[in-house]
Amino acid sequence: MTQLEKIEKRYLELDKKMAQPEVATNLSRLQELAQERASIENVVKLYRKYKKTAKELEDVKSMHDGGTDGDMAALVKQEAESLESRLAALTEELKKALLPRDPNDEKDIIIEIRAGTGGTEAAIFAADLFRMYSRYAQGKGWKADVLSMSESGIGGFKEIIFEVKGKGAFSRLKYERGVHRVQRVPVTEASGRIHTSTATVAVEVWILPDASVTGTRWTR
């Protein structure tokens, strides 16, 4: 039995245990089982999608091996390629899902965006990044609050610091840390030349959520 099969089997066992009357009336035990179930639920969903896609690919390949002509053969080939691509993507998702979890993954975070090289255009780029992360947070049902900012003409930011509250915020956004670079024609450029601008992004766990920005501490 593979690791994924064992995880799915455990998931089904937890479902059965949680449905037992003696567990349903034991709140602490029920919470314990529910937490374990939640911790593997995403892996199980991905694994089931993987199995379904693999079966669909097997069926499509059987159609191709059975012999098809003309337009039908082209459609079968196209569908097989699409399923193979989806299967590869699911494989990568499963690999990531099976990696050891970071204990900070579910925590709230602070994001600090600073304009880098590029002058006014870098400040505009910093503002674009802020709007992107804010909309992403909104789409996830998270709450984003600005803690401090230093504006820089025509809608840009020299620096902006904001908090993101929501389950899984750190796990989703921790890889955004580092220097971001953009090449484009700025709205302020009359000659149409392409400019390169940068902005730095820091993403950290927020360990003093009730404190003001001054004197607070962040931790990785």
N, C-alpha and C. Protein backbone atom coordinates (compact mmCIF):
# COMPACT_ATOMS: atom_id res chain seq x y z
N MET A 1 0.84 -1.20 0.00
CA MET A 1 0.00 0.00 0.00
C MET A 1 0.89 1.26 0.00
N THR A 2 0.61 2.18 -0.91
CA THR A 2 1.41 3.39 -1.00
C THR A 2 1.07 4.35 0.15
N GLN A 3 1.92 5.38 0.30
CA GLN A 3 1.69 6.38 1.35
C GLN A 3 0.35 7.07 1.14
N LEU A 4 0.01 7.37 -0.11
CA LEU A 4 -1.25 8.05 -0.39
C LEU A 4 -2.45 7.15 -0.07
N GLU A 5 -2.32 5.87 -0.35
CA GLU A 5 -3.40 4.93 -0.02
C GLU A 5 -3.59 4.84 1.49
N LYS A 6 -2.47 4.87 2.22
CA LYS A 6 -2.57 4.83 3.69
C LYS A 6 -3.24 6.08 4.23
N ILE A 7 -2.92 7.22 3.65
CA ILE A 7 -3.53 8.48 4.09
C ILE A 7 -5.03 8.47 3.81
N GLU A 8 -5.42 7.99 2.64
CA GLU A 8 -6.85 7.93 2.31
C GLU A 8 -7.57 6.95 3.23
N LYS A 9 -6.93 5.82 3.53
CA LYS A 9 -7.53 4.85 4.43
C LYS A 9 -7.73 5.45 5.82
N ARG A 10 -6.72 6.20 6.29
CA ARG A 10 -6.84 6.85 7.60
C ARG A 10 -7.96 7.88 7.59
N TYR A 11 -8.11 8.59 6.50
CA TYR A 11 -9.17 9.60 6.36
C TYR A 11 -10.55 8.94 6.51
N LEU A 12 -10.73 7.79 5.87
CA LEU A 12 -12.01 7.07 5.97
C LEU A 12 -12.23 6.55 7.39
N GLU A 13 -11.16 6.10 8.04
CA GLU A 13 -11.25 5.63 9.42
C GLU A 13 -11.69 6.77 10.35
N LEU A 14 -11.15 7.94 10.13
CA LEU A 14 -11.51 9.10 10.96
C LEU A 14 -12.97 9.47 10.77
N ASP A 15 -13.45 9.39 9.53
CA ASP A 15 -14.88 9.65 9.26
C ASP A 15 -15.77 8.71 10.08
N LYS A 16 -15.40 7.43 10.08
CA LYS A 16 -16.19 6.43 10.82
C LYS A 16 -16.15 6.69 12.33
N LYS A 17 -14.96 7.00 12.83
CA LYS A 17 -14.81 7.24 14.26
C LYS A 17 -15.61 8.46 14.70
N MET A 18 -15.59 9.51 13.90
CA MET A 18 -16.30 10.74 14.25
C MET A 18 -17.82 10.54 14.24
N ALA A 19 -18.27 9.52 13.50
CA ALA A 19 -19.71 9.23 13.43
C ALA A 19 -20.20 8.36 14.58
N GLN A 20 -19.26 7.81 15.37
CA GLN A 20 -19.64 6.95 16.49
C GLN A 20 -20.27 7.77 17.62
N PRO A 21 -21.37 7.31 18.20
CA PRO A 21 -22.08 8.07 19.26
C PRO A 21 -21.18 8.43 20.44
N GLU A 22 -20.31 7.49 20.85
CA GLU A 22 -19.45 7.76 22.01
C GLU A 22 -18.42 8.86 21.72
N VAL A 23 -18.08 9.03 20.46
CA VAL A 23 -17.14 10.09 20.08
C VAL A 23 -17.88 11.41 19.91
N ALA A 24 -19.06 11.34 19.32
CA ALA A 24 -19.85 12.54 19.07
C ALA A 24 -20.20 13.29 20.36
N THR A 25 -20.25 12.57 21.47
CA THR A 25 -20.58 13.20 22.76
C THR A 25 -19.34 13.57 23.57
N ASN A 26 -18.17 13.25 23.02
CA ASN A 26 -16.91 13.57 23.69
C ASN A 26 -16.23 14.69 22.90
N LEU A 27 -16.46 15.93 23.33
CA LEU A 27 -16.03 17.09 22.56
C LEU A 27 -14.52 17.14 22.31
N SER A 28 -13.74 16.86 23.34
CA SER A 28 -12.28 16.93 23.18
C SER A 28 -11.78 15.88 22.18
N ARG A 29 -12.34 14.68 22.27
CA ARG A 29 -11.95 13.61 21.35
C ARG A 29 -12.41 13.94 19.92
N LEU A 30 -13.61 14.49 19.81
CA LEU A 30 -14.14 14.86 18.50
C LEU A 30 -13.27 15.93 17.84
N GLN A 31 -12.84 16.92 18.63
CA GLN A 31 -11.98 17.98 18.11
C GLN A 31 -10.63 17.42 17.68
N GLU A 32 -10.11 16.49 18.46
CA GLU A 32 -8.82 15.88 18.14
C GLU A 32 -8.88 15.15 16.80
N LEU A 33 -9.96 14.38 16.61
CA LEU A 33 -10.13 13.64 15.35
C LEU A 33 -10.39 14.59 14.18
N ALA A 34 -11.16 15.63 14.44
CA ALA A 34 -11.48 16.60 13.38
C ALA A 34 -10.23 17.33 12.91
N GLN A 35 -9.35 17.64 13.85
CA GLN A 35 -8.10 18.32 13.49
C GLN A 35 -7.21 17.41 12.64
N GLU A 36 -7.13 16.14 13.02
CA GLU A 36 -6.33 15.20 12.24
C GLU A 36 -6.93 15.04 10.84
N ARG A 37 -8.24 14.96 10.77
CA ARG A 37 -8.93 14.81 9.48
C ARG A 37 -8.66 16.03 8.59
N ALA A 38 -8.74 17.21 9.19
CA ALA A 38 -8.51 18.44 8.43
C ALA A 38 -7.08 18.53 7.91
N SER A 39 -6.14 17.97 8.67
CA SER A 39 -4.73 18.05 8.30
C SER A 39 -4.39 17.21 7.07
N ILE A 40 -5.22 16.20 6.77
CA ILE A 40 -4.94 15.34 5.61
C ILE A 40 -6.01 15.47 4.51
N GLU A 41 -7.00 16.29 4.75
CA GLU A 41 -8.12 16.41 3.81
C GLU A 41 -7.65 16.87 2.42
N ASN A 42 -6.77 17.86 2.38
CA ASN A 42 -6.31 18.37 1.10
C ASN A 42 -5.56 17.30 0.30
N VAL A 43 -4.74 16.51 0.99
CA VAL A 43 -3.99 15.44 0.32
C VAL A 43 -4.96 14.41 -0.26
N VAL A 44 -5.98 14.07 0.51
CA VAL A 44 -6.96 13.07 0.05
C VAL A 44 -7.72 13.58 -1.18
N LYS A 45 -8.12 14.85 -1.15
CA LYS A 45 -8.85 15.42 -2.29
C LYS A 45 -7.98 15.41 -3.55
N LEU A 46 -6.72 15.78 -3.38
CA LEU A 46 -5.80 15.78 -4.53
C LEU A 46 -5.58 14.36 -5.05
N TYR A 47 -5.44 13.41 -4.13
CA TYR A 47 -5.21 12.02 -4.52
C TYR A 47 -6.42 11.47 -5.28
N ARG A 48 -7.61 11.83 -4.84
CA ARG A 48 -8.82 11.36 -5.53
C ARG A 48 -8.94 11.98 -6.92
N LYS A 49 -8.55 13.26 -7.04
CA LYS A 49 -8.53 13.90 -8.36
C LYS A 49 -7.51 13.21 -9.26
N TYR A 50 -6.37 12.87 -8.66
CA TYR A 50 -5.31 12.19 -9.41
C TYR A 50 -5.82 10.84 -9.94
N LYS A 51 -6.46 10.05 -9.09
CA LYS A 51 -6.96 8.73 -9.48
C LYS A 51 -8.02 8.86 -10.57
N LYS A 52 -8.90 9.85 -10.43
CA LYS A 52 -9.96 10.06 -11.42
C LYS A 52 -9.36 10.45 -12.77
N THR A 53 -8.37 11.34 -12.74
CA THR A 53 -7.73 11.78 -13.98
C THR A 53 -6.95 10.64 -14.63
N ALA A 54 -6.27 9.84 -13.81
CA ALA A 54 -5.51 8.71 -14.33
C ALA A 54 -6.44 7.70 -15.01
N LYS A 55 -7.62 7.49 -14.41
CA LYS A 55 -8.60 6.56 -15.00
C LYS A 55 -9.12 7.11 -16.33
N GLU A 56 -9.39 8.41 -16.37
CA GLU A 56 -9.87 9.03 -17.60
C GLU A 56 -8.82 8.91 -18.70
N LEU A 57 -7.55 9.10 -18.33
CA LEU A 57 -6.46 8.98 -19.31
C LEU A 57 -6.35 7.55 -19.82
N GLU A 58 -6.51 6.60 -18.93
CA GLU A 58 -6.46 5.19 -19.32
C GLU A 58 -7.58 4.87 -20.32
N ASP A 59 -8.77 5.40 -20.06
CA ASP A 59 -9.91 5.16 -20.95
C ASP A 59 -9.69 5.79 -22.32
N VAL A 60 -9.14 7.01 -22.32
CA VAL A 60 -8.89 7.70 -23.59
C VAL A 60 -7.83 6.96 -24.40
N LYS A 61 -6.79 6.48 -23.74
CA LYS A 61 -5.74 5.73 -24.44
C LYS A 61 -6.29 4.43 -24.99
N SER A 62 -7.25 3.84 -24.30
CA SER A 62 -7.88 2.60 -24.78
C SER A 62 -8.65 2.88 -26.07
N MET A 63 -9.30 4.04 -26.13
CA MET A 63 -10.03 4.43 -27.35
C MET A 63 -9.05 4.57 -28.51
N HIS A 64 -7.90 5.18 -28.22
CA HIS A 64 -6.90 5.39 -29.26
C HIS A 64 -6.34 4.06 -29.76
N ASP A 65 -6.07 3.16 -28.81
CA ASP A 65 -5.52 1.84 -29.16
C ASP A 65 -6.53 1.01 -29.92
N GLY A 66 -7.83 1.27 -29.67
CA GLY A 66 -8.88 0.52 -30.34
C GLY A 66 -9.04 0.91 -31.80
N GLY A 67 -8.40 2.02 -32.14
CA GLY A 67 -8.45 2.43 -33.54
C GLY A 67 -9.51 3.48 -33.80
N THR A 68 -9.09 4.68 -34.18
CA THR A 68 -10.01 5.76 -34.54
C THR A 68 -9.46 6.44 -35.78
N ASP A 69 -10.33 7.06 -36.52
CA ASP A 69 -9.92 7.67 -37.78
C ASP A 69 -10.22 9.16 -37.82
N GLY A 70 -9.47 9.86 -38.63
CA GLY A 70 -9.74 11.25 -38.95
C GLY A 70 -9.85 12.17 -37.76
N ASP A 71 -10.95 12.94 -37.76
CA ASP A 71 -11.17 13.96 -36.72
C ASP A 71 -11.25 13.35 -35.34
N MET A 72 -11.84 12.16 -35.24
CA MET A 72 -11.97 11.51 -33.93
C MET A 72 -10.59 11.19 -33.35
N ALA A 73 -9.68 10.73 -34.17
CA ALA A 73 -8.33 10.41 -33.70
C ALA A 73 -7.63 11.67 -33.19
N ALA A 74 -7.84 12.77 -33.87
CA ALA A 74 -7.24 14.04 -33.45
C ALA A 74 -7.81 14.49 -32.12
N LEU A 75 -9.11 14.34 -31.95
CA LEU A 75 -9.77 14.72 -30.69
C LEU A 75 -9.29 13.85 -29.54
N VAL A 76 -9.15 12.56 -29.80
CA VAL A 76 -8.68 11.63 -28.77
C VAL A 76 -7.27 11.98 -28.35
N LYS A 77 -6.41 12.29 -29.33
CA LYS A 77 -5.03 12.67 -29.04
C LYS A 77 -4.98 13.96 -28.21
N GLN A 78 -5.80 14.93 -28.59
CA GLN A 78 -5.85 16.21 -27.87
C GLN A 78 -6.30 16.00 -26.43
N GLU A 79 -7.31 15.17 -26.23
CA GLU A 79 -7.82 14.91 -24.89
C GLU A 79 -6.77 14.18 -24.05
N ALA A 80 -6.06 13.25 -24.66
CA ALA A 80 -5.00 12.52 -23.94
C ALA A 80 -3.90 13.48 -23.49
N GLU A 81 -3.51 14.39 -24.35
CA GLU A 81 -2.48 15.35 -23.99
C GLU A 81 -2.93 16.27 -22.86
N SER A 82 -4.19 16.67 -22.91
CA SER A 82 -4.75 17.52 -21.86
C SER A 82 -4.76 16.80 -20.51
N LEU A 83 -5.15 15.53 -20.52
CA LEU A 83 -5.20 14.74 -19.29
C LEU A 83 -3.79 14.47 -18.75
N GLU A 84 -2.85 14.24 -19.64
CA GLU A 84 -1.46 14.02 -19.21
C GLU A 84 -0.90 15.28 -18.53
N SER A 85 -1.23 16.43 -19.08
CA SER A 85 -0.80 17.70 -18.49
C SER A 85 -1.42 17.89 -17.12
N ARG A 86 -2.72 17.58 -17.01
CA ARG A 86 -3.42 17.71 -15.73
C ARG A 86 -2.85 16.74 -14.70
N LEU A 87 -2.52 15.54 -15.15
CA LEU A 87 -1.96 14.52 -14.25
C LEU A 87 -0.59 14.96 -13.73
N ALA A 88 0.22 15.55 -14.60
CA ALA A 88 1.53 16.04 -14.18
C ALA A 88 1.40 17.15 -13.15
N ALA A 89 0.43 18.04 -13.35
CA ALA A 89 0.21 19.14 -12.41
C ALA A 89 -0.26 18.60 -11.05
N LEU A 90 -1.13 17.61 -11.07
CA LEU A 90 -1.62 17.01 -9.83
C LEU A 90 -0.49 16.28 -9.10
N THR A 91 0.40 15.67 -9.86
CA THR A 91 1.55 14.99 -9.26
C THR A 91 2.41 15.98 -8.49
N GLU A 92 2.65 17.15 -9.08
CA GLU A 92 3.45 18.18 -8.41
C GLU A 92 2.73 18.70 -7.17
N GLU A 93 1.42 18.88 -7.26
CA GLU A 93 0.65 19.35 -6.11
C GLU A 93 0.71 18.34 -4.97
N LEU A 94 0.63 17.07 -5.31
CA LEU A 94 0.70 16.02 -4.29
C LEU A 94 2.07 15.99 -3.62
N LYS A 95 3.12 16.18 -4.41
CA LYS A 95 4.47 16.20 -3.84
C LYS A 95 4.60 17.32 -2.81
N LYS A 96 4.07 18.49 -3.15
CA LYS A 96 4.12 19.63 -2.23
C LYS A 96 3.27 19.37 -1.00
N ALA A 97 2.09 18.78 -1.21
CA ALA A 97 1.17 18.52 -0.10
C ALA A 97 1.74 17.51 0.88
N LEU A 98 2.63 16.64 0.42
CA LEU A 98 3.21 15.61 1.29
C LEU A 98 4.46 16.08 2.03
N LEU A 99 4.94 17.28 1.68
CA LEU A 99 6.11 17.80 2.39
C LEU A 99 5.76 18.10 3.84
N PRO A 100 6.73 17.98 4.77
CA PRO A 100 6.46 18.30 6.19
C PRO A 100 5.93 19.72 6.32
N ARG A 101 4.91 19.90 7.12
CA ARG A 101 4.27 21.20 7.28
C ARG A 101 5.10 22.13 8.15
N ASP A 102 5.12 23.39 7.76
CA ASP A 102 5.75 24.44 8.55
C ASP A 102 4.79 24.78 9.69
N PRO A 103 5.24 24.77 10.95
CA PRO A 103 4.34 25.07 12.07
C PRO A 103 3.73 26.46 12.00
N ASN A 104 4.30 27.34 11.19
CA ASN A 104 3.77 28.71 11.06
C ASN A 104 2.77 28.87 9.93
N ASP A 105 2.54 27.80 9.15
CA ASP A 105 1.74 27.92 7.93
C ASP A 105 0.35 28.51 8.12
N GLU A 106 -0.29 28.24 9.25
CA GLU A 106 -1.66 28.71 9.44
C GLU A 106 -1.74 30.10 10.07
N LYS A 107 -0.60 30.71 10.37
CA LYS A 107 -0.60 31.95 11.14
C LYS A 107 -0.82 33.20 10.29
N ASP A 108 -1.24 34.28 10.99
CA ASP A 108 -1.38 35.59 10.36
C ASP A 108 0.01 36.14 10.04
N ILE A 109 0.05 37.09 9.12
CA ILE A 109 1.34 37.60 8.68
C ILE A 109 1.36 39.12 8.56
N ILE A 110 2.58 39.64 8.48
CA ILE A 110 2.84 41.03 8.13
C ILE A 110 3.58 41.02 6.80
N ILE A 111 3.13 41.86 5.87
CA ILE A 111 3.84 42.03 4.60
C ILE A 111 4.35 43.45 4.52
N GLU A 112 5.62 43.58 4.21
CA GLU A 112 6.23 44.90 4.01
C GLU A 112 6.74 44.99 2.58
N ILE A 113 6.27 45.99 1.87
CA ILE A 113 6.69 46.21 0.49
C ILE A 113 7.44 47.53 0.42
N ARG A 114 8.64 47.49 -0.14
CA ARG A 114 9.46 48.70 -0.29
C ARG A 114 9.84 48.89 -1.76
N ALA A 115 9.69 50.12 -2.24
CA ALA A 115 10.13 50.43 -3.60
C ALA A 115 11.65 50.29 -3.66
N GLY A 116 12.14 49.72 -4.75
CA GLY A 116 13.59 49.56 -4.93
C GLY A 116 14.11 50.51 -5.98
N THR A 117 14.93 50.00 -6.90
CA THR A 117 15.47 50.85 -7.95
C THR A 117 14.39 51.14 -8.99
N GLY A 118 14.45 52.36 -9.52
CA GLY A 118 13.46 52.71 -10.55
C GLY A 118 12.70 53.97 -10.27
N GLY A 119 13.00 54.64 -9.16
CA GLY A 119 12.37 55.92 -8.87
C GLY A 119 10.87 55.83 -8.74
N THR A 120 10.17 56.75 -9.41
CA THR A 120 8.70 56.82 -9.34
C THR A 120 8.05 55.53 -9.82
N GLU A 121 8.61 54.94 -10.87
CA GLU A 121 8.04 53.70 -11.41
C GLU A 121 8.14 52.56 -10.40
N ALA A 122 9.22 52.52 -9.60
CA ALA A 122 9.37 51.49 -8.58
C ALA A 122 8.30 51.66 -7.51
N ALA A 123 7.98 52.91 -7.17
CA ALA A 123 6.93 53.18 -6.18
C ALA A 123 5.56 52.74 -6.71
N ILE A 124 5.33 52.95 -8.01
CA ILE A 124 4.08 52.51 -8.63
C ILE A 124 4.01 50.99 -8.63
N PHE A 125 5.13 50.36 -8.91
CA PHE A 125 5.20 48.89 -8.88
C PHE A 125 4.91 48.36 -7.48
N ALA A 126 5.43 49.03 -6.45
CA ALA A 126 5.15 48.63 -5.06
C ALA A 126 3.65 48.70 -4.78
N ALA A 127 3.00 49.75 -5.31
CA ALA A 127 1.55 49.90 -5.13
C ALA A 127 0.79 48.79 -5.88
N ASP A 128 1.29 48.43 -7.06
CA ASP A 128 0.67 47.33 -7.82
C ASP A 128 0.75 46.02 -7.04
N LEU A 129 1.90 45.76 -6.42
CA LEU A 129 2.06 44.55 -5.62
C LEU A 129 1.11 44.55 -4.43
N PHE A 130 0.98 45.71 -3.79
CA PHE A 130 0.06 45.81 -2.65
C PHE A 130 -1.37 45.48 -3.09
N ARG A 131 -1.81 46.06 -4.21
CA ARG A 131 -3.17 45.79 -4.69
C ARG A 131 -3.34 44.30 -5.04
N MET A 132 -2.31 43.70 -5.63
CA MET A 132 -2.38 42.29 -5.99
C MET A 132 -2.55 41.41 -4.75
N TYR A 133 -1.72 41.65 -3.73
CA TYR A 133 -1.82 40.85 -2.51
C TYR A 133 -3.14 41.10 -1.78
N SER A 134 -3.61 42.34 -1.79
CA SER A 134 -4.87 42.68 -1.12
C SER A 134 -6.04 41.96 -1.78
N ARG A 135 -6.05 41.95 -3.10
CA ARG A 135 -7.14 41.28 -3.83
C ARG A 135 -7.06 39.77 -3.65
N TYR A 136 -5.85 39.25 -3.61
CA TYR A 136 -5.69 37.82 -3.37
C TYR A 136 -6.24 37.45 -2.00
N ALA A 137 -5.91 38.28 -0.99
CA ALA A 137 -6.40 38.05 0.37
C ALA A 137 -7.93 38.12 0.40
N GLN A 138 -8.48 39.09 -0.29
CA GLN A 138 -9.93 39.23 -0.34
C GLN A 138 -10.58 38.00 -0.96
N GLY A 139 -9.96 37.51 -2.03
CA GLY A 139 -10.49 36.32 -2.69
C GLY A 139 -10.45 35.09 -1.81
N LYS A 140 -9.51 35.04 -0.88
CA LYS A 140 -9.39 33.92 0.05
C LYS A 140 -10.28 34.09 1.28
N GLY A 141 -10.93 35.25 1.38
CA GLY A 141 -11.76 35.51 2.56
C GLY A 141 -10.96 35.97 3.76
N TRP A 142 -9.72 36.42 3.53
CA TRP A 142 -8.87 36.91 4.60
C TRP A 142 -9.10 38.40 4.81
N LYS A 143 -8.56 38.92 5.89
CA LYS A 143 -8.68 40.34 6.20
C LYS A 143 -7.31 41.00 6.07
N ALA A 144 -7.23 42.09 5.32
CA ALA A 144 -5.97 42.81 5.13
C ALA A 144 -6.12 44.24 5.64
N ASP A 145 -5.26 44.64 6.56
CA ASP A 145 -5.31 45.98 7.14
C ASP A 145 -3.95 46.66 7.01
N VAL A 146 -3.96 47.89 6.50
CA VAL A 146 -2.73 48.66 6.37
C VAL A 146 -2.32 49.16 7.76
N LEU A 147 -1.05 48.96 8.10
CA LEU A 147 -0.52 49.41 9.38
C LEU A 147 0.26 50.71 9.25
N SER A 148 0.98 50.87 8.17
CA SER A 148 1.69 52.13 7.92
C SER A 148 2.05 52.21 6.45
N MET A 149 2.21 53.44 5.95
CA MET A 149 2.61 53.60 4.55
C MET A 149 3.25 54.96 4.35
N SER A 150 4.10 55.01 3.34
CA SER A 150 4.76 56.24 2.93
C SER A 150 4.50 56.39 1.44
N GLU A 151 3.63 57.33 1.09
CA GLU A 151 3.21 57.49 -0.31
C GLU A 151 4.26 58.27 -1.11
N SER A 152 4.19 58.08 -2.43
CA SER A 152 5.16 58.73 -3.31
C SER A 152 4.50 59.11 -4.63
N GLY A 153 3.78 60.20 -4.62
CA GLY A 153 3.19 60.74 -5.85
C GLY A 153 2.40 59.75 -6.68
N ILE A 154 1.60 60.18 -7.56
CA ILE A 154 0.75 59.46 -8.53
C ILE A 154 0.44 58.01 -8.13
N GLY A 155 0.01 57.82 -6.90
CA GLY A 155 -0.48 56.52 -6.47
C GLY A 155 0.56 55.49 -6.10
N GLY A 156 1.81 55.91 -5.91
CA GLY A 156 2.85 54.96 -5.56
C GLY A 156 3.15 54.93 -4.07
N PHE A 157 3.96 53.94 -3.66
CA PHE A 157 4.37 53.80 -2.26
C PHE A 157 5.88 53.65 -2.17
N LYS A 158 6.52 54.46 -1.33
CA LYS A 158 7.92 54.21 -1.00
C LYS A 158 7.99 52.97 -0.14
N GLU A 159 6.99 52.83 0.75
CA GLU A 159 6.91 51.68 1.65
C GLU A 159 5.48 51.53 2.13
N ILE A 160 5.03 50.31 2.26
CA ILE A 160 3.72 50.04 2.85
C ILE A 160 3.80 48.74 3.64
N ILE A 161 3.25 48.76 4.85
CA ILE A 161 3.23 47.59 5.73
C ILE A 161 1.79 47.27 6.06
N PHE A 162 1.40 46.03 5.87
CA PHE A 162 0.01 45.65 6.16
C PHE A 162 -0.04 44.24 6.74
N GLU A 163 -1.10 44.00 7.48
CA GLU A 163 -1.32 42.72 8.14
C GLU A 163 -2.34 41.91 7.34
N VAL A 164 -2.12 40.62 7.23
CA VAL A 164 -3.07 39.72 6.59
C VAL A 164 -3.48 38.66 7.60
N LYS A 165 -4.76 38.62 7.93
CA LYS A 165 -5.29 37.65 8.88
C LYS A 165 -6.14 36.63 8.15
N GLY A 166 -5.80 35.37 8.33
CA GLY A 166 -6.58 34.32 7.69
C GLY A 166 -5.86 32.99 7.74
N LYS A 167 -6.62 31.92 7.79
CA LYS A 167 -6.04 30.59 7.88
C LYS A 167 -5.22 30.27 6.64
N GLY A 168 -3.97 29.93 6.86
CA GLY A 168 -3.09 29.56 5.76
C GLY A 168 -2.40 30.73 5.08
N ALA A 169 -2.51 31.92 5.67
CA ALA A 169 -1.91 33.11 5.04
C ALA A 169 -0.41 32.94 4.83
N PHE A 170 0.29 32.48 5.86
CA PHE A 170 1.75 32.34 5.74
C PHE A 170 2.12 31.27 4.72
N SER A 171 1.38 30.16 4.72
CA SER A 171 1.70 29.07 3.79
C SER A 171 1.54 29.50 2.34
N ARG A 172 0.57 30.38 2.07
CA ARG A 172 0.30 30.81 0.70
C ARG A 172 1.22 31.93 0.23
N LEU A 173 1.66 32.78 1.15
CA LEU A 173 2.38 33.99 0.74
C LEU A 173 3.86 34.02 1.13
N LYS A 174 4.34 33.03 1.88
CA LYS A 174 5.73 33.07 2.34
C LYS A 174 6.74 33.04 1.19
N TYR A 175 6.35 32.45 0.06
CA TYR A 175 7.28 32.37 -1.06
C TYR A 175 7.37 33.67 -1.87
N GLU A 176 6.58 34.66 -1.48
CA GLU A 176 6.65 35.96 -2.14
C GLU A 176 7.82 36.80 -1.65
N ARG A 177 8.47 36.33 -0.59
CA ARG A 177 9.60 37.09 -0.04
C ARG A 177 10.72 37.23 -1.04
N GLY A 178 11.33 38.42 -1.07
CA GLY A 178 12.47 38.64 -1.95
C GLY A 178 12.30 39.86 -2.82
N VAL A 179 13.15 39.97 -3.84
CA VAL A 179 13.12 41.11 -4.76
C VAL A 179 12.26 40.76 -5.96
N HIS A 180 11.31 41.64 -6.26
CA HIS A 180 10.45 41.48 -7.43
C HIS A 180 10.88 42.49 -8.49
N ARG A 181 10.84 42.08 -9.74
CA ARG A 181 11.36 42.91 -10.83
C ARG A 181 10.32 42.99 -11.94
N VAL A 182 10.17 44.19 -12.52
CA VAL A 182 9.24 44.37 -13.63
C VAL A 182 9.90 45.20 -14.72
N GLN A 183 9.61 44.84 -15.97
CA GLN A 183 10.07 45.62 -17.12
C GLN A 183 8.85 46.03 -17.92
N ARG A 184 8.65 47.33 -18.05
CA ARG A 184 7.49 47.82 -18.77
C ARG A 184 7.70 49.29 -19.12
N VAL A 185 6.80 49.81 -19.96
CA VAL A 185 6.83 51.22 -20.31
C VAL A 185 6.00 51.98 -19.27
N PRO A 186 6.62 52.81 -18.45
CA PRO A 186 5.88 53.52 -17.40
C PRO A 186 4.89 54.51 -17.99
N VAL A 187 3.84 54.81 -17.22
CA VAL A 187 2.86 55.81 -17.68
C VAL A 187 3.50 57.19 -17.75
N THR A 188 4.63 57.37 -17.04
CA THR A 188 5.31 58.67 -17.03
C THR A 188 6.33 58.79 -18.15
N GLU A 189 6.49 57.75 -18.97
CA GLU A 189 7.51 57.73 -20.03
C GLU A 189 6.88 58.13 -21.37
N ALA A 190 7.28 59.30 -21.87
CA ALA A 190 6.70 59.82 -23.11
C ALA A 190 7.31 59.18 -24.35
N SER A 191 8.56 58.74 -24.26
CA SER A 191 9.24 58.22 -25.45
C SER A 191 9.02 56.74 -25.69
N GLY A 192 8.32 56.06 -24.78
CA GLY A 192 8.01 54.65 -24.98
C GLY A 192 9.13 53.70 -24.61
N ARG A 193 10.13 54.19 -23.88
CA ARG A 193 11.24 53.31 -23.48
C ARG A 193 10.82 52.36 -22.36
N ILE A 194 11.37 51.17 -22.39
CA ILE A 194 11.09 50.18 -21.34
C ILE A 194 12.00 50.45 -20.14
N HIS A 195 11.40 50.50 -18.94
CA HIS A 195 12.16 50.71 -17.72
C HIS A 195 12.15 49.42 -16.89
N THR A 196 13.21 49.21 -16.15
CA THR A 196 13.26 48.10 -15.20
C THR A 196 13.16 48.67 -13.78
N SER A 197 12.21 48.15 -13.02
CA SER A 197 12.01 48.62 -11.64
C SER A 197 11.95 47.41 -10.71
N THR A 198 12.28 47.65 -9.45
CA THR A 198 12.24 46.57 -8.47
C THR A 198 11.51 47.01 -7.20
N ALA A 199 11.08 46.02 -6.45
CA ALA A 199 10.48 46.24 -5.13
C ALA A 199 10.82 45.03 -4.28
N THR A 200 11.05 45.25 -3.00
CA THR A 200 11.33 44.13 -2.10
C THR A 200 10.10 43.82 -1.27
N VAL A 201 9.89 42.54 -1.05
CA VAL A 201 8.73 42.08 -0.27
C VAL A 201 9.24 41.23 0.90
N ALA A 202 8.81 41.59 2.10
CA ALA A 202 9.11 40.79 3.30
C ALA A 202 7.80 40.22 3.82
N VAL A 203 7.78 38.93 4.10
CA VAL A 203 6.60 38.26 4.63
C VAL A 203 7.00 37.55 5.91
N GLU A 204 6.43 37.95 7.01
CA GLU A 204 6.81 37.38 8.30
C GLU A 204 5.58 37.06 9.15
N VAL A 205 5.76 36.15 10.08
CA VAL A 205 4.69 35.83 11.03
C VAL A 205 4.55 36.98 12.01
N TRP A 206 3.33 37.37 12.28
CA TRP A 206 3.05 38.49 13.18
C TRP A 206 2.76 37.93 14.57
N ILE A 207 3.66 38.17 15.52
CA ILE A 207 3.52 37.56 16.84
C ILE A 207 2.97 38.51 17.89
N LEU A 208 2.78 39.77 17.52
CA LEU A 208 2.17 40.72 18.46
C LEU A 208 1.02 41.43 17.75
N PRO A 209 -0.08 40.70 17.46
CA PRO A 209 -1.14 41.27 16.63
C PRO A 209 -1.86 42.46 17.23
N ASP A 210 -1.78 42.68 18.53
CA ASP A 210 -2.50 43.79 19.14
C ASP A 210 -1.63 45.01 19.38
N ALA A 211 -0.34 44.89 19.02
CA ALA A 211 0.56 46.01 19.25
C ALA A 211 0.56 46.96 18.07
N SER A 212 1.04 48.18 18.28
CA SER A 212 1.20 49.11 17.17
C SER A 212 2.45 48.72 16.41
N VAL A 213 2.64 49.31 15.25
CA VAL A 213 3.80 48.94 14.43
C VAL A 213 5.10 49.28 15.14
N THR A 214 5.14 50.42 15.82
CA THR A 214 6.35 50.84 16.52
C THR A 214 6.65 49.89 17.67
N GLY A 215 7.85 49.36 17.67
CA GLY A 215 8.26 48.49 18.78
C GLY A 215 7.79 47.06 18.65
N THR A 216 7.17 46.69 17.56
CA THR A 216 6.71 45.31 17.40
C THR A 216 7.85 44.44 16.93
N ARG A 217 7.63 43.12 17.01
CA ARG A 217 8.63 42.16 16.57
C ARG A 217 8.00 41.19 15.59
N TRP A 218 8.79 40.78 14.63
CA TRP A 218 8.34 39.77 13.70
C TRP A 218 9.18 38.52 13.93
N THR A 219 8.65 37.39 13.48
CA THR A 219 9.43 36.16 13.57
C THR A 219 9.19 35.34 12.32
N ARG A 220 10.17 34.57 11.94
CA ARG A 220 10.00 33.71 10.77
C ARG A 220 9.30 32.43 11.21
